[in-house]
N, C-alpha and C. Protein backbone atom coordinates (compact mmCIF):
# COMPACT_ATOMS: atom_id res chain seq x y z
N UNK A 1 -9.38 15.39 6.87
CA UNK A 1 -10.65 14.84 6.44
C UNK A 1 -10.54 14.11 5.09
N UNK A 2 -9.78 14.65 4.12
CA UNK A 2 -9.66 13.91 2.85
C UNK A 2 -9.01 12.54 3.04
N UNK A 3 -8.07 12.42 3.99
CA UNK A 3 -7.45 11.11 4.22
C UNK A 3 -8.46 10.11 4.77
N UNK A 4 -9.32 10.57 5.67
CA UNK A 4 -10.35 9.69 6.23
C UNK A 4 -11.31 9.24 5.13
N UNK A 5 -11.74 10.17 4.30
CA UNK A 5 -12.64 9.82 3.20
C UNK A 5 -11.97 8.89 2.21
N UNK A 6 -10.69 9.11 1.97
CA UNK A 6 -9.94 8.23 1.08
C UNK A 6 -9.87 6.82 1.63
N UNK A 7 -9.57 6.69 2.92
CA UNK A 7 -9.50 5.36 3.54
C UNK A 7 -10.86 4.67 3.54
N UNK A 8 -11.92 5.43 3.80
CA UNK A 8 -13.26 4.83 3.77
C UNK A 8 -13.62 4.35 2.37
N UNK A 9 -13.23 5.11 1.34
CA UNK A 9 -13.47 4.67 -0.03
C UNK A 9 -12.70 3.41 -0.36
N UNK A 10 -11.46 3.33 0.08
CA UNK A 10 -10.65 2.14 -0.16
C UNK A 10 -11.27 0.93 0.52
N UNK A 11 -11.66 1.09 1.76
CA UNK A 11 -12.25 -0.04 2.49
C UNK A 11 -13.57 -0.48 1.86
N UNK A 12 -14.42 0.46 1.47
CA UNK A 12 -15.69 0.09 0.84
C UNK A 12 -15.46 -0.61 -0.50
N UNK A 13 -14.52 -0.12 -1.28
CA UNK A 13 -14.21 -0.76 -2.56
C UNK A 13 -13.66 -2.16 -2.38
N UNK A 14 -12.77 -2.34 -1.41
CA UNK A 14 -12.21 -3.67 -1.18
C UNK A 14 -13.25 -4.64 -0.63
N UNK A 15 -14.15 -4.15 0.20
CA UNK A 15 -15.22 -5.01 0.71
C UNK A 15 -16.13 -5.45 -0.43
N UNK A 16 -16.42 -4.53 -1.36
CA UNK A 16 -17.24 -4.92 -2.52
C UNK A 16 -16.53 -5.95 -3.38
N UNK A 17 -15.23 -5.76 -3.63
CA UNK A 17 -14.49 -6.75 -4.41
C UNK A 17 -14.44 -8.10 -3.69
N UNK A 18 -14.27 -8.07 -2.38
CA UNK A 18 -14.25 -9.31 -1.59
C UNK A 18 -15.61 -10.01 -1.66
N UNK A 19 -16.69 -9.23 -1.59
CA UNK A 19 -18.02 -9.81 -1.64
C UNK A 19 -18.32 -10.40 -3.01
N UNK A 20 -17.74 -9.83 -4.07
CA UNK A 20 -17.98 -10.35 -5.41
C UNK A 20 -17.10 -11.55 -5.75
N UNK A 21 -16.00 -11.71 -5.05
CA UNK A 21 -15.11 -12.83 -5.34
C UNK A 21 -15.71 -14.12 -4.80
N UNK A 22 -15.13 -15.21 -5.16
CA UNK A 22 -15.63 -16.49 -4.70
C UNK A 22 -15.00 -16.93 -3.39
N UNK A 23 -14.22 -16.05 -2.77
CA UNK A 23 -13.52 -16.40 -1.54
C UNK A 23 -14.49 -16.55 -0.38
N UNK A 24 -15.40 -15.60 -0.26
CA UNK A 24 -16.30 -15.61 0.89
C UNK A 24 -17.53 -16.46 0.59
N UNK A 25 -18.24 -16.77 1.62
CA UNK A 25 -19.46 -17.55 1.49
C UNK A 25 -20.68 -16.63 1.40
N UNK A 26 -20.44 -15.32 1.23
CA UNK A 26 -21.55 -14.39 1.09
C UNK A 26 -22.25 -14.63 -0.23
N UNK A 27 -23.56 -14.68 -0.21
CA UNK A 27 -24.33 -14.86 -1.44
C UNK A 27 -25.10 -13.57 -1.71
N UNK A 28 -24.35 -12.48 -1.78
CA UNK A 28 -24.97 -11.18 -2.04
C UNK A 28 -25.25 -11.03 -3.53
N UNK A 29 -24.27 -11.37 -4.34
CA UNK A 29 -24.38 -11.22 -5.78
C UNK A 29 -24.31 -12.62 -6.39
N UNK A 30 -25.47 -13.20 -6.68
CA UNK A 30 -25.51 -14.60 -7.07
C UNK A 30 -25.19 -14.83 -8.54
N UNK A 31 -25.53 -13.89 -9.40
CA UNK A 31 -25.30 -14.10 -10.82
C UNK A 31 -24.23 -13.13 -11.34
N UNK A 32 -23.61 -13.48 -12.45
CA UNK A 32 -22.61 -12.56 -13.02
C UNK A 32 -23.20 -11.20 -13.41
N UNK A 33 -24.47 -11.19 -13.81
CA UNK A 33 -25.10 -9.93 -14.17
C UNK A 33 -25.29 -9.03 -12.95
N UNK A 34 -25.49 -9.63 -11.79
CA UNK A 34 -25.67 -8.86 -10.56
C UNK A 34 -24.35 -8.29 -10.06
N UNK A 35 -23.24 -8.77 -10.56
CA UNK A 35 -21.93 -8.30 -10.12
C UNK A 35 -21.43 -7.09 -10.90
N UNK A 36 -22.10 -6.73 -11.98
CA UNK A 36 -21.62 -5.64 -12.84
C UNK A 36 -21.70 -4.29 -12.12
N UNK A 37 -22.84 -3.97 -11.56
CA UNK A 37 -23.02 -2.68 -10.89
C UNK A 37 -22.09 -2.51 -9.69
N UNK A 38 -21.99 -3.48 -8.78
CA UNK A 38 -21.03 -3.32 -7.67
C UNK A 38 -19.59 -3.23 -8.13
N UNK A 39 -19.25 -3.88 -9.25
CA UNK A 39 -17.90 -3.78 -9.78
C UNK A 39 -17.58 -2.35 -10.18
N UNK A 40 -18.50 -1.70 -10.89
CA UNK A 40 -18.28 -0.31 -11.28
C UNK A 40 -18.24 0.62 -10.07
N UNK A 41 -19.08 0.37 -9.09
CA UNK A 41 -19.06 1.18 -7.87
C UNK A 41 -17.73 1.01 -7.15
N UNK A 42 -17.23 -0.21 -7.06
CA UNK A 42 -15.94 -0.45 -6.40
C UNK A 42 -14.80 0.25 -7.15
N UNK A 43 -14.82 0.21 -8.47
CA UNK A 43 -13.80 0.90 -9.26
C UNK A 43 -13.88 2.40 -9.01
N UNK A 44 -15.09 2.97 -9.01
CA UNK A 44 -15.24 4.40 -8.74
C UNK A 44 -14.76 4.77 -7.34
N UNK A 45 -15.04 3.94 -6.35
CA UNK A 45 -14.58 4.21 -4.99
C UNK A 45 -13.06 4.21 -4.90
N UNK A 46 -12.42 3.24 -5.55
CA UNK A 46 -10.97 3.17 -5.51
C UNK A 46 -10.33 4.32 -6.29
N UNK A 47 -10.91 4.70 -7.42
CA UNK A 47 -10.39 5.84 -8.16
C UNK A 47 -10.58 7.15 -7.39
N UNK A 48 -11.70 7.27 -6.72
CA UNK A 48 -11.94 8.45 -5.89
C UNK A 48 -10.94 8.51 -4.74
N UNK A 49 -10.63 7.38 -4.16
CA UNK A 49 -9.65 7.34 -3.07
C UNK A 49 -8.27 7.76 -3.58
N UNK A 50 -7.90 7.27 -4.76
CA UNK A 50 -6.61 7.66 -5.33
C UNK A 50 -6.59 9.14 -5.66
N UNK A 51 -7.67 9.66 -6.19
CA UNK A 51 -7.76 11.09 -6.50
C UNK A 51 -7.62 11.93 -5.24
N UNK A 52 -8.34 11.55 -4.19
CA UNK A 52 -8.25 12.29 -2.94
C UNK A 52 -6.85 12.24 -2.35
N UNK A 53 -6.22 11.09 -2.45
CA UNK A 53 -4.87 10.95 -1.89
C UNK A 53 -3.87 11.81 -2.65
N UNK A 54 -4.00 11.88 -3.97
CA UNK A 54 -3.02 12.62 -4.77
C UNK A 54 -3.31 14.12 -4.75
N UNK A 55 -4.53 14.50 -5.07
CA UNK A 55 -4.85 15.92 -5.22
C UNK A 55 -4.90 16.62 -3.87
N UNK A 56 -5.58 16.06 -2.91
CA UNK A 56 -5.67 16.72 -1.61
C UNK A 56 -4.33 16.68 -0.88
N UNK A 57 -3.53 15.66 -1.14
CA UNK A 57 -2.21 15.60 -0.56
C UNK A 57 -1.29 16.66 -1.11
N UNK A 58 -1.45 17.01 -2.38
CA UNK A 58 -0.66 18.08 -2.99
C UNK A 58 -1.03 19.43 -2.39
N UNK A 59 -2.31 19.66 -2.14
CA UNK A 59 -2.73 20.94 -1.57
C UNK A 59 -2.25 21.08 -0.13
N UNK A 60 -2.18 19.97 0.59
CA UNK A 60 -1.73 20.02 1.98
C UNK A 60 -0.24 20.34 2.07
N UNK A 61 0.52 19.96 1.07
CA UNK A 61 1.98 20.21 1.08
C UNK A 61 2.32 21.65 0.77
N UNK A 62 1.43 22.36 0.10
CA UNK A 62 1.71 23.73 -0.31
C UNK A 62 1.54 24.69 0.81
């Protein structure tokens, strides 16, 4: 279960970063001020995914 949650966090974080970049034609976050909150959420999701991968992976090995 921690691996699934970790992968979902990674995917959600990457989708947020993709939506904030200028690559896509999505106009979800039109101003730079509107991009601040999703940026922090994406960082938290990716850090949570790394935490789950490292900590829960260590417990599974024991």
